[in-house]
Amino acid sequence: MPAPRKARALGLHHVALDVDDIDRALAFYGRLFEFTLLDKTDVSAFLDLSNQFIVLQKSPAPRSNCQIGLVVDDRTAVLRALADAGVTPVPGHLVHFVDPWGNRVRLICYD
């Protein structure tokens, strides 16, 4: 008897980041990136990133252990916005930073 068919993972639909304040998180990420706000409640916000999205979800004690990689079209613009926001990128050969809730965000630019 053949093995049952396995489903294929076709891509990433969304990533959820724990934050303690939705409005503060929207302000922080809004300083760094252009996005469309799909929906917002008292406990979550959905940020459109083309065919995927980021969910900011309110948590009384953010876990601070999430890491995501975001493809950007202008790494220099993000680095400038981070500097303006007082955020220092993590030292190393890869460009990444830690947001105010401990989520690690890596920047990927295909240029």
PDB file of N, CA and C in Angstrom:
ATOM      1  N   MET A   1       0.853  -1.180   0.000  1.00  0.00           N
ATOM      2  CA  MET A   1       0.000   0.000   0.000  1.00  0.00           C
ATOM      3  C   MET A   1       0.898   1.242   0.000  1.00  0.00           C
ATOM      4  N   PRO A   2       0.659   2.175  -0.920  1.00  0.00           N
ATOM      5  CA  PRO A   2       1.497   3.378  -0.979  1.00  0.00           C
ATOM      6  C   PRO A   2       1.267   4.265   0.248  1.00  0.00           C
ATOM      7  N   ALA A   3       2.309   5.030   0.563  1.00  0.00           N
ATOM      8  CA  ALA A   3       2.209   5.976   1.681  1.00  0.00           C
ATOM      9  C   ALA A   3       1.171   7.045   1.343  1.00  0.00           C
ATOM     10  N   PRO A   4       0.460   7.523   2.344  1.00  0.00           N
ATOM     11  CA  PRO A   4      -0.532   8.571   2.073  1.00  0.00           C
ATOM     12  C   PRO A   4       0.152   9.839   1.538  1.00  0.00           C
ATOM     13  N   ARG A   5      -0.551  10.531   0.681  1.00  0.00           N
ATOM     14  CA  ARG A   5      -0.027  11.768   0.110  1.00  0.00           C
ATOM     15  C   ARG A   5       0.159  12.806   1.214  1.00  0.00           C
ATOM     16  N   LYS A   6       1.283  13.509   1.150  1.00  0.00           N
ATOM     17  CA  LYS A   6       1.529  14.603   2.089  1.00  0.00           C
ATOM     18  C   LYS A   6       1.170  15.916   1.408  1.00  0.00           C
ATOM     19  N   ALA A   7       0.663  16.836   2.191  1.00  0.00           N
ATOM     20  CA  ALA A   7       0.392  18.177   1.668  1.00  0.00           C
ATOM     21  C   ALA A   7       1.712  18.916   1.499  1.00  0.00           C
ATOM     22  N   ARG A   8       1.780  19.771   0.491  1.00  0.00           N
ATOM     23  CA  ARG A   8       2.957  20.611   0.284  1.00  0.00           C
ATOM     24  C   ARG A   8       2.720  21.967   0.910  1.00  0.00           C
ATOM     25  N   ALA A   9       3.702  22.475   1.630  1.00  0.00           N
ATOM     26  CA  ALA A   9       3.640  23.855   2.098  1.00  0.00           C
ATOM     27  C   ALA A   9       3.974  24.743   0.903  1.00  0.00           C
ATOM     28  N   LEU A  10       3.081  25.654   0.551  1.00  0.00           N
ATOM     29  CA  LEU A  10       3.235  26.454  -0.655  1.00  0.00           C
ATOM     30  C   LEU A  10       3.836  27.826  -0.406  1.00  0.00           C
ATOM     31  N   GLY A  11       3.906  28.233   0.820  1.00  0.00           N
ATOM     32  CA  GLY A  11       4.450  29.553   1.129  1.00  0.00           C
ATOM     33  C   GLY A  11       4.032  29.976   2.517  1.00  0.00           C
ATOM     34  N   LEU A  12       4.435  31.144   2.868  1.00  0.00           N
ATOM     35  CA  LEU A  12       4.133  31.705   4.186  1.00  0.00           C
ATOM     36  C   LEU A  12       2.954  32.652   4.059  1.00  0.00           C
ATOM     37  N   HIS A  13       1.964  32.479   4.886  1.00  0.00           N
ATOM     38  CA  HIS A  13       0.777  33.316   4.861  1.00  0.00           C
ATOM     39  C   HIS A  13       0.934  34.518   5.786  1.00  0.00           C
ATOM     40  N   HIS A  14       1.352  34.276   7.029  1.00  0.00           N
ATOM     41  CA  HIS A  14       1.553  35.377   7.966  1.00  0.00           C
ATOM     42  C   HIS A  14       2.507  34.976   9.074  1.00  0.00           C
ATOM     43  N   VAL A  15       3.014  35.988   9.747  1.00  0.00           N
ATOM     44  CA  VAL A  15       3.840  35.828  10.937  1.00  0.00           C
ATOM     45  C   VAL A  15       3.193  36.689  12.005  1.00  0.00           C
ATOM     46  N   ALA A  16       3.130  36.188  13.222  1.00  0.00           N
ATOM     47  CA  ALA A  16       2.564  36.960  14.331  1.00  0.00           C
ATOM     48  C   ALA A  16       3.677  37.388  15.276  1.00  0.00           C
ATOM     49  N   LEU A  17       3.676  38.654  15.627  1.00  0.00           N
ATOM     50  CA  LEU A  17       4.637  39.193  16.582  1.00  0.00           C
ATOM     51  C   LEU A  17       3.890  39.637  17.829  1.00  0.00           C
ATOM     52  N   ASP A  18       4.365  39.202  18.979  1.00  0.00           N
ATOM     53  CA  ASP A  18       3.773  39.635  20.246  1.00  0.00           C
ATOM     54  C   ASP A  18       4.282  41.021  20.604  1.00  0.00           C
ATOM     55  N   VAL A  19       3.361  41.894  20.960  1.00  0.00           N
ATOM     56  CA  VAL A  19       3.682  43.248  21.415  1.00  0.00           C
ATOM     57  C   VAL A  19       2.791  43.544  22.619  1.00  0.00           C
ATOM     58  N   ASP A  20       3.155  44.563  23.391  1.00  0.00           N
ATOM     59  CA  ASP A  20       2.313  44.880  24.550  1.00  0.00           C
ATOM     60  C   ASP A  20       1.360  46.042  24.286  1.00  0.00           C
ATOM     61  N   ASP A  21       1.507  46.717  23.144  1.00  0.00           N
ATOM     62  CA  ASP A  21       0.677  47.876  22.833  1.00  0.00           C
ATOM     63  C   ASP A  21       0.535  47.972  21.315  1.00  0.00           C
ATOM     64  N   ILE A  22      -0.662  47.743  20.804  1.00  0.00           N
ATOM     65  CA  ILE A  22      -0.899  47.725  19.361  1.00  0.00           C
ATOM     66  C   ILE A  22      -0.593  49.074  18.726  1.00  0.00           C
ATOM     67  N   ASP A  23      -1.080  50.161  19.304  1.00  0.00           N
ATOM     68  CA  ASP A  23      -0.852  51.481  18.716  1.00  0.00           C
ATOM     69  C   ASP A  23       0.631  51.842  18.703  1.00  0.00           C
ATOM     70  N   ARG A  24       1.331  51.533  19.766  1.00  0.00           N
ATOM     71  CA  ARG A  24       2.770  51.801  19.829  1.00  0.00           C
ATOM     72  C   ARG A  24       3.518  50.974  18.781  1.00  0.00           C
ATOM     73  N   ALA A  25       3.116  49.713  18.608  1.00  0.00           N
ATOM     74  CA  ALA A  25       3.750  48.852  17.608  1.00  0.00           C
ATOM     75  C   ALA A  25       3.464  49.364  16.195  1.00  0.00           C
ATOM     76  N   LEU A  26       2.243  49.814  15.936  1.00  0.00           N
ATOM     77  CA  LEU A  26       1.924  50.377  14.620  1.00  0.00           C
ATOM     78  C   LEU A  26       2.756  51.626  14.353  1.00  0.00           C
ATOM     79  N   ALA A  27       2.929  52.453  15.360  1.00  0.00           N
ATOM     80  CA  ALA A  27       3.749  53.658  15.201  1.00  0.00           C
ATOM     81  C   ALA A  27       5.203  53.277  14.924  1.00  0.00           C
ATOM     82  N   PHE A  28       5.730  52.283  15.652  1.00  0.00           N
ATOM     83  CA  PHE A  28       7.115  51.857  15.463  1.00  0.00           C
ATOM     84  C   PHE A  28       7.320  51.311  14.057  1.00  0.00           C
ATOM     85  N   TYR A  29       6.525  50.335  13.656  1.00  0.00           N
ATOM     86  CA  TYR A  29       6.698  49.723  12.342  1.00  0.00           C
ATOM     87  C   TYR A  29       6.334  50.694  11.220  1.00  0.00           C
ATOM     88  N   GLY A  30       5.425  51.635  11.491  1.00  0.00           N
ATOM     89  CA  GLY A  30       5.079  52.651  10.503  1.00  0.00           C
ATOM     90  C   GLY A  30       6.209  53.623  10.226  1.00  0.00           C
ATOM     91  N   ARG A  31       7.119  53.793  11.190  1.00  0.00           N
ATOM     92  CA  ARG A  31       8.306  54.631  10.960  1.00  0.00           C
ATOM     93  C   ARG A  31       9.305  53.942  10.048  1.00  0.00           C
ATOM     94  N   LEU A  32       9.266  52.609  10.016  1.00  0.00           N
ATOM     95  CA  LEU A  32      10.265  51.839   9.268  1.00  0.00           C
ATOM     96  C   LEU A  32       9.817  51.434   7.877  1.00  0.00           C
ATOM     97  N   PHE A  33       8.541  51.072   7.746  1.00  0.00           N
ATOM     98  CA  PHE A  33       8.066  50.455   6.509  1.00  0.00           C
ATOM     99  C   PHE A  33       6.751  51.063   6.054  1.00  0.00           C
ATOM    100  N   GLU A  34       6.562  51.060   4.737  1.00  0.00           N
ATOM    101  CA  GLU A  34       5.237  51.347   4.181  1.00  0.00           C
ATOM    102  C   GLU A  34       4.436  50.064   4.245  1.00  0.00           C
ATOM    103  N   PHE A  35       3.220  50.139   4.700  1.00  0.00           N
ATOM    104  CA  PHE A  35       2.337  48.972   4.704  1.00  0.00           C
ATOM    105  C   PHE A  35       0.901  49.448   4.676  1.00  0.00           C
ATOM    106  N   THR A  36       0.019  48.547   4.323  1.00  0.00           N
ATOM    107  CA  THR A  36      -1.408  48.821   4.377  1.00  0.00           C
ATOM    108  C   THR A  36      -1.967  48.121   5.604  1.00  0.00           C
ATOM    109  N   LEU A  37      -2.678  48.863   6.417  1.00  0.00           N
ATOM    110  CA  LEU A  37      -3.320  48.288   7.594  1.00  0.00           C
ATOM    111  C   LEU A  37      -4.623  47.638   7.149  1.00  0.00           C
ATOM    112  N   LEU A  38      -4.666  46.300   7.222  1.00  0.00           N
ATOM    113  CA  LEU A  38      -5.849  45.559   6.768  1.00  0.00           C
ATOM    114  C   LEU A  38      -6.970  45.583   7.790  1.00  0.00           C
ATOM    115  N   ASP A  39      -6.594  45.482   9.066  1.00  0.00           N
ATOM    116  CA  ASP A  39      -7.593  45.429  10.124  1.00  0.00           C
ATOM    117  C   ASP A  39      -6.907  45.750  11.437  1.00  0.00           C
ATOM    118  N   LYS A  40      -7.643  46.329  12.357  1.00  0.00           N
ATOM    119  CA  LYS A  40      -7.099  46.645  13.679  1.00  0.00           C
ATOM    120  C   LYS A  40      -8.199  46.511  14.714  1.00  0.00           C
ATOM    121  N   THR A  41      -7.854  45.848  15.807  1.00  0.00           N
ATOM    122  CA  THR A  41      -8.737  45.763  16.959  1.00  0.00           C
ATOM    123  C   THR A  41      -7.912  46.175  18.185  1.00  0.00           C
ATOM    124  N   ASP A  42      -8.496  46.048  19.359  1.00  0.00           N
ATOM    125  CA  ASP A  42      -7.754  46.353  20.586  1.00  0.00           C
ATOM    126  C   ASP A  42      -6.635  45.356  20.846  1.00  0.00           C
ATOM    127  N   VAL A  43      -6.720  44.176  20.238  1.00  0.00           N
ATOM    128  CA  VAL A  43      -5.741  43.124  20.549  1.00  0.00           C
ATOM    129  C   VAL A  43      -4.906  42.670  19.355  1.00  0.00           C
ATOM    130  N   SER A  44      -5.158  43.237  18.154  1.00  0.00           N
ATOM    131  CA  SER A  44      -4.359  42.815  17.003  1.00  0.00           C
ATOM    132  C   SER A  44      -4.432  43.846  15.884  1.00  0.00           C
ATOM    133  N   ALA A  45      -3.437  43.756  15.014  1.00  0.00           N
ATOM    134  CA  ALA A  45      -3.420  44.571  13.792  1.00  0.00           C
ATOM    135  C   ALA A  45      -2.813  43.711  12.698  1.00  0.00           C
ATOM    136  N   PHE A  46      -3.338  43.834  11.504  1.00  0.00           N
ATOM    137  CA  PHE A  46      -2.890  43.045  10.360  1.00  0.00           C
ATOM    138  C   PHE A  46      -2.258  43.980   9.337  1.00  0.00           C
ATOM    139  N   LEU A  47      -0.958  43.790   9.085  1.00  0.00           N
ATOM    140  CA  LEU A  47      -0.203  44.637   8.171  1.00  0.00           C
ATOM    141  C   LEU A  47       0.009  43.896   6.858  1.00  0.00           C
ATOM    142  N   ASP A  48      -0.489  44.446   5.770  1.00  0.00           N
ATOM    143  CA  ASP A  48      -0.385  43.817   4.461  1.00  0.00           C
ATOM    144  C   ASP A  48       1.021  43.984   3.901  1.00  0.00           C
ATOM    145  N   LEU A  49       1.616  42.864   3.486  1.00  0.00           N
ATOM    146  CA  LEU A  49       2.921  42.860   2.836  1.00  0.00           C
ATOM    147  C   LEU A  49       2.801  42.167   1.487  1.00  0.00           C
ATOM    148  N   SER A  50       1.930  42.632   0.658  1.00  0.00           N
ATOM    149  CA  SER A  50       1.684  42.055  -0.652  1.00  0.00           C
ATOM    150  C   SER A  50       0.824  40.804  -0.506  1.00  0.00           C
ATOM    151  N   ASN A  51       1.403  39.598  -0.655  1.00  0.00           N
ATOM    152  CA  ASN A  51       0.572  38.398  -0.524  1.00  0.00           C
ATOM    153  C   ASN A  51       0.803  37.672   0.803  1.00  0.00           C
ATOM    154  N   GLN A  52       1.477  38.314   1.727  1.00  0.00           N
ATOM    155  CA  GLN A  52       1.611  37.819   3.091  1.00  0.00           C
ATOM    156  C   GLN A  52       1.276  38.981   4.032  1.00  0.00           C
ATOM    157  N   PHE A  53       1.193  38.703   5.325  1.00  0.00           N
ATOM    158  CA  PHE A  53       1.006  39.796   6.263  1.00  0.00           C
ATOM    159  C   PHE A  53       1.622  39.483   7.608  1.00  0.00           C
ATOM    160  N   ILE A  54       1.816  40.546   8.366  1.00  0.00           N
ATOM    161  CA  ILE A  54       2.303  40.435   9.740  1.00  0.00           C
ATOM    162  C   ILE A  54       1.125  40.736  10.643  1.00  0.00           C
ATOM    163  N   VAL A  55       0.955  39.928  11.664  1.00  0.00           N
ATOM    164  CA  VAL A  55      -0.054  40.176  12.685  1.00  0.00           C
ATOM    165  C   VAL A  55       0.680  40.682  13.917  1.00  0.00           C
ATOM    166  N   LEU A  56       0.316  41.860  14.371  1.00  0.00           N
ATOM    167  CA  LEU A  56       0.794  42.339  15.662  1.00  0.00           C
ATOM    168  C   LEU A  56      -0.276  41.940  16.660  1.00  0.00           C
ATOM    169  N   GLN A  57       0.093  41.126  17.635  1.00  0.00           N
ATOM    170  CA  GLN A  57      -0.916  40.660  18.581  1.00  0.00           C
ATOM    171  C   GLN A  57      -0.523  41.076  19.990  1.00  0.00           C
ATOM    172  N   LYS A  58      -1.501  41.617  20.684  1.00  0.00           N
ATOM    173  CA  LYS A  58      -1.269  42.112  22.035  1.00  0.00           C
ATOM    174  C   LYS A  58      -1.081  40.946  22.986  1.00  0.00           C
ATOM    175  N   SER A  59      -0.019  41.029  23.758  1.00  0.00           N
ATOM    176  CA  SER A  59       0.294  40.008  24.746  1.00  0.00           C
ATOM    177  C   SER A  59       0.767  40.724  25.999  1.00  0.00           C
ATOM    178  N   PRO A  60       0.247  40.346  27.161  1.00  0.00           N
ATOM    179  CA  PRO A  60       0.686  41.019  28.387  1.00  0.00           C
ATOM    180  C   PRO A  60       2.165  40.791  28.686  1.00  0.00           C
ATOM    181  N   ALA A  61       2.715  39.702  28.175  1.00  0.00           N
ATOM    182  CA  ALA A  61       4.132  39.396  28.394  1.00  0.00           C
ATOM    183  C   ALA A  61       4.706  38.876  27.076  1.00  0.00           C
ATOM    184  N   PRO A  62       5.087  39.798  26.152  1.00  0.00           N
ATOM    185  CA  PRO A  62       5.628  39.330  24.874  1.00  0.00           C
ATOM    186  C   PRO A  62       6.764  38.335  25.077  1.00  0.00           C
ATOM    187  N   ARG A  63       6.779  37.291  24.243  1.00  0.00           N
ATOM    188  CA  ARG A  63       7.741  36.201  24.415  1.00  0.00           C
ATOM    189  C   ARG A  63       9.158  36.561  24.013  1.00  0.00           C
ATOM    190  N   SER A  64       9.322  37.545  23.180  1.00  0.00           N
ATOM    191  CA  SER A  64      10.649  38.018  22.770  1.00  0.00           C
ATOM    192  C   SER A  64      11.503  36.934  22.133  1.00  0.00           C
ATOM    193  N   ASN A  65      10.892  35.994  21.450  1.00  0.00           N
ATOM    194  CA  ASN A  65      11.706  34.940  20.841  1.00  0.00           C
ATOM    195  C   ASN A  65      11.399  34.728  19.366  1.00  0.00           C
ATOM    196  N   CYS A  66      10.698  35.649  18.754  1.00  0.00           N
ATOM    197  CA  CYS A  66      10.353  35.507  17.344  1.00  0.00           C
ATOM    198  C   CYS A  66      11.458  36.126  16.497  1.00  0.00           C
ATOM    199  N   GLN A  67      11.738  35.486  15.375  1.00  0.00           N
ATOM    200  CA  GLN A  67      12.643  36.062  14.393  1.00  0.00           C
ATOM    201  C   GLN A  67      11.992  35.959  13.037  1.00  0.00           C
ATOM    202  N   ILE A  68      11.980  37.075  12.302  1.00  0.00           N
ATOM    203  CA  ILE A  68      11.444  37.066  10.948  1.00  0.00           C
ATOM    204  C   ILE A  68      12.457  37.711  10.017  1.00  0.00           C
ATOM    205  N   GLY A  69      12.376  37.363   8.760  1.00  0.00           N
ATOM    206  CA  GLY A  69      13.180  37.995   7.727  1.00  0.00           C
ATOM    207  C   GLY A  69      12.251  38.730   6.788  1.00  0.00           C
ATOM    208  N   LEU A  70      12.470  40.009   6.609  1.00  0.00           N
ATOM    209  CA  LEU A  70      11.645  40.805   5.718  1.00  0.00           C
ATOM    210  C   LEU A  70      12.444  41.204   4.483  1.00  0.00           C
ATOM    211  N   VAL A  71      11.875  40.950   3.321  1.00  0.00           N
ATOM    212  CA  VAL A  71      12.478  41.402   2.079  1.00  0.00           C
ATOM    213  C   VAL A  71      12.101  42.877   1.919  1.00  0.00           C
ATOM    214  N   VAL A  72      13.103  43.716   1.704  1.00  0.00           N
ATOM    215  CA  VAL A  72      12.872  45.146   1.535  1.00  0.00           C
ATOM    216  C   VAL A  72      13.459  45.598   0.198  1.00  0.00           C
ATOM    217  N   ASP A  73      12.915  46.685  -0.326  1.00  0.00           N
ATOM    218  CA  ASP A  73      13.433  47.195  -1.589  1.00  0.00           C
ATOM    219  C   ASP A  73      14.508  48.260  -1.387  1.00  0.00           C
ATOM    220  N   ASP A  74      14.710  48.715  -0.146  1.00  0.00           N
ATOM    221  CA  ASP A  74      15.695  49.760   0.114  1.00  0.00           C
ATOM    222  C   ASP A  74      16.232  49.612   1.537  1.00  0.00           C
ATOM    223  N   ARG A  75      17.267  48.819   1.675  1.00  0.00           N
ATOM    224  CA  ARG A  75      17.870  48.565   2.987  1.00  0.00           C
ATOM    225  C   ARG A  75      18.359  49.863   3.626  1.00  0.00           C
ATOM    226  N   THR A  76      18.935  50.763   2.821  1.00  0.00           N
ATOM    227  CA  THR A  76      19.457  52.026   3.342  1.00  0.00           C
ATOM    228  C   THR A  76      18.346  52.862   3.967  1.00  0.00           C
ATOM    229  N   ALA A  77      17.176  52.893   3.340  1.00  0.00           N
ATOM    230  CA  ALA A  77      16.052  53.649   3.890  1.00  0.00           C
ATOM    231  C   ALA A  77      15.626  53.090   5.240  1.00  0.00           C
ATOM    232  N   VAL A  78      15.616  51.753   5.381  1.00  0.00           N
ATOM    233  CA  VAL A  78      15.243  51.151   6.666  1.00  0.00           C
ATOM    234  C   VAL A  78      16.298  51.472   7.718  1.00  0.00           C
ATOM    235  N   LEU A  79      17.574  51.380   7.360  1.00  0.00           N
ATOM    236  CA  LEU A  79      18.639  51.692   8.318  1.00  0.00           C
ATOM    237  C   LEU A  79      18.554  53.151   8.763  1.00  0.00           C
ATOM    238  N   ARG A  80      18.233  54.050   7.850  1.00  0.00           N
ATOM    239  CA  ARG A  80      18.064  55.460   8.200  1.00  0.00           C
ATOM    240  C   ARG A  80      16.879  55.634   9.149  1.00  0.00           C
ATOM    241  N   ALA A  81      15.759  54.954   8.859  1.00  0.00           N
ATOM    242  CA  ALA A  81      14.578  55.052   9.721  1.00  0.00           C
ATOM    243  C   ALA A  81      14.863  54.466  11.100  1.00  0.00           C
ATOM    244  N   LEU A  82      15.641  53.375  11.155  1.00  0.00           N
ATOM    245  CA  LEU A  82      16.018  52.810  12.457  1.00  0.00           C
ATOM    246  C   LEU A  82      16.834  53.814  13.259  1.00  0.00           C
ATOM    247  N   ALA A  83      17.793  54.460  12.607  1.00  0.00           N
ATOM    248  CA  ALA A  83      18.613  55.461  13.294  1.00  0.00           C
ATOM    249  C   ALA A  83      17.738  56.602  13.806  1.00  0.00           C
ATOM    250  N   ASP A  84      16.795  57.058  12.979  1.00  0.00           N
ATOM    251  CA  ASP A  84      15.884  58.123  13.396  1.00  0.00           C
ATOM    252  C   ASP A  84      15.019  57.700  14.581  1.00  0.00           C
ATOM    253  N   ALA A  85      14.719  56.393  14.668  1.00  0.00           N
ATOM    254  CA  ALA A  85      13.908  55.864  15.775  1.00  0.00           C
ATOM    255  C   ALA A  85      14.760  55.517  16.993  1.00  0.00           C
ATOM    256  N   GLY A  86      16.084  55.709  16.887  1.00  0.00           N
ATOM    257  CA  GLY A  86      16.965  55.412  18.017  1.00  0.00           C
ATOM    258  C   GLY A  86      17.251  53.930  18.192  1.00  0.00           C
ATOM    259  N   VAL A  87      17.072  53.148  17.126  1.00  0.00           N
ATOM    260  CA  VAL A  87      17.302  51.707  17.189  1.00  0.00           C
ATOM    261  C   VAL A  87      18.635  51.397  16.507  1.00  0.00           C
ATOM    262  N   THR A  88      19.519  50.725  17.220  1.00  0.00           N
ATOM    263  CA  THR A  88      20.815  50.341  16.678  1.00  0.00           C
ATOM    264  C   THR A  88      20.728  48.912  16.149  1.00  0.00           C
ATOM    265  N   PRO A  89      21.104  48.706  14.885  1.00  0.00           N
ATOM    266  CA  PRO A  89      21.107  47.337  14.364  1.00  0.00           C
ATOM    267  C   PRO A  89      22.045  46.441  15.178  1.00  0.00           C
ATOM    268  N   VAL A  90      21.759  45.160  15.195  1.00  0.00           N
ATOM    269  CA  VAL A  90      22.593  44.187  15.893  1.00  0.00           C
ATOM    270  C   VAL A  90      23.914  44.077  15.124  1.00  0.00           C
ATOM    271  N   PRO A  91      25.058  44.137  15.817  1.00  0.00           N
ATOM    272  CA  PRO A  91      26.340  44.017  15.108  1.00  0.00           C
ATOM    273  C   PRO A  91      26.464  42.665  14.408  1.00  0.00           C
ATOM    274  N   GLY A  92      27.138  42.660  13.276  1.00  0.00           N
ATOM    275  CA  GLY A  92      27.357  41.430  12.525  1.00  0.00           C
ATOM    276  C   GLY A  92      27.261  41.693  11.042  1.00  0.00           C
ATOM    277  N   HIS A  93      27.497  40.646  10.263  1.00  0.00           N
ATOM    278  CA  HIS A  93      27.493  40.805   8.811  1.00  0.00           C
ATOM    279  C   HIS A  93      26.092  40.833   8.209  1.00  0.00           C
ATOM    280  N   LEU A  94      25.091  40.374   8.935  1.00  0.00           N
ATOM    281  CA  LEU A  94      23.709  40.430   8.468  1.00  0.00           C
ATOM    282  C   LEU A  94      23.031  41.649   9.072  1.00  0.00           C
ATOM    283  N   VAL A  95      22.144  42.273   8.318  1.00  0.00           N
ATOM    284  CA  VAL A  95      21.450  43.455   8.817  1.00  0.00           C
ATOM    285  C   VAL A  95      20.184  43.014   9.534  1.00  0.00           C
ATOM    286  N   HIS A  96      20.166  43.196  10.845  1.00  0.00           N
ATOM    287  CA  HIS A  96      18.958  42.917  11.598  1.00  0.00           C
ATOM    288  C   HIS A  96      18.912  43.778  12.848  1.00  0.00           C
ATOM    289  N   PHE A  97      17.703  43.868  13.407  1.00  0.00           N
ATOM    290  CA  PHE A  97      17.500  44.673  14.603  1.00  0.00           C
ATOM    291  C   PHE A  97      16.511  43.959  15.509  1.00  0.00           C
ATOM    292  N   VAL A  98      16.449  44.418  16.732  1.00  0.00           N
ATOM    293  CA  VAL A  98      15.495  43.891  17.707  1.00  0.00           C
ATOM    294  C   VAL A  98      14.495  45.003  17.988  1.00  0.00           C
ATOM    295  N   ASP A  99      13.206  44.692  17.832  1.00  0.00           N
ATOM    296  CA  ASP A  99      12.185  45.707  18.075  1.00  0.00           C
ATOM    297  C   ASP A  99      11.989  45.909  19.585  1.00  0.00           C
ATOM    298  N   PRO A 100      11.199  46.891  19.991  1.00  0.00           N
ATOM    299  CA  PRO A 100      11.034  47.160  21.428  1.00  0.00           C
ATOM    300  C   PRO A 100      10.450  46.000  22.240  1.00  0.00           C
ATOM    301  N   TRP A 101       9.920  44.971  21.571  1.00  0.00           N
ATOM    302  CA  TRP A 101       9.318  43.837  22.265  1.00  0.00           C
ATOM    303  C   TRP A 101      10.199  42.601  22.216  1.00  0.00           C
ATOM    304  N   GLY A 102      11.393  42.743  21.679  1.00  0.00           N
ATOM    305  CA  GLY A 102      12.336  41.635  21.640  1.00  0.00           C
ATOM    306  C   GLY A 102      12.268  40.773  20.398  1.00  0.00           C
ATOM    307  N   ASN A 103      11.419  41.135  19.431  1.00  0.00           N
ATOM    308  CA  ASN A 103      11.345  40.382  18.182  1.00  0.00           C
ATOM    309  C   ASN A 103      12.534  40.767  17.301  1.00  0.00           C
ATOM    310  N   ARG A 104      13.235  39.770  16.769  1.00  0.00           N
ATOM    311  CA  ARG A 104      14.388  40.008  15.902  1.00  0.00           C
ATOM    312  C   ARG A 104      13.903  40.050  14.453  1.00  0.00           C
ATOM    313  N   VAL A 105      14.263  41.139  13.743  1.00  0.00           N
ATOM    314  CA  VAL A 105      13.840  41.336  12.374  1.00  0.00           C
ATOM    315  C   VAL A 105      15.091  41.429  11.499  1.00  0.00           C
ATOM    316  N   ARG A 106      15.222  40.520  10.555  1.00  0.00           N
ATOM    317  CA  ARG A 106      16.340  40.511   9.617  1.00  0.00           C
ATOM    318  C   ARG A 106      15.882  41.131   8.305  1.00  0.00           C
ATOM    319  N   LEU A 107      16.727  41.965   7.714  1.00  0.00           N
ATOM    320  CA  LEU A 107      16.395  42.638   6.457  1.00  0.00           C
ATOM    321  C   LEU A 107      17.101  41.953   5.304  1.00  0.00           C
ATOM    322  N   ILE A 108      16.357  41.589   4.294  1.00  0.00           N
ATOM    323  CA  ILE A 108      16.901  40.951   3.104  1.00  0.00           C
ATOM    324  C   ILE A 108      16.598  41.851   1.927  1.00  0.00           C
ATOM    325  N   CYS A 109      17.617  42.194   1.155  1.00  0.00           N
ATOM    326  CA  CYS A 109      17.444  43.011  -0.041  1.00  0.00           C
ATOM    327  C   CYS A 109      18.092  42.263  -1.190  1.00  0.00           C
ATOM    328  N   TYR A 110      17.370  41.996  -2.240  1.00  0.00           N
ATOM    329  CA  TYR A 110      17.843  41.170  -3.335  1.00  0.00           C
ATOM    330  C   TYR A 110      18.681  41.915  -4.366  1.00  0.00           C
ATOM    331  N   ASP A 111      19.115  43.151  -4.071  1.00  0.00           N
ATOM    332  CA  ASP A 111      19.899  43.886  -5.067  1.00  0.00           C
ATOM    333  C   ASP A 111      21.331  43.420  -5.172  1.00  0.00           C
TER     334      ASP A 111
END
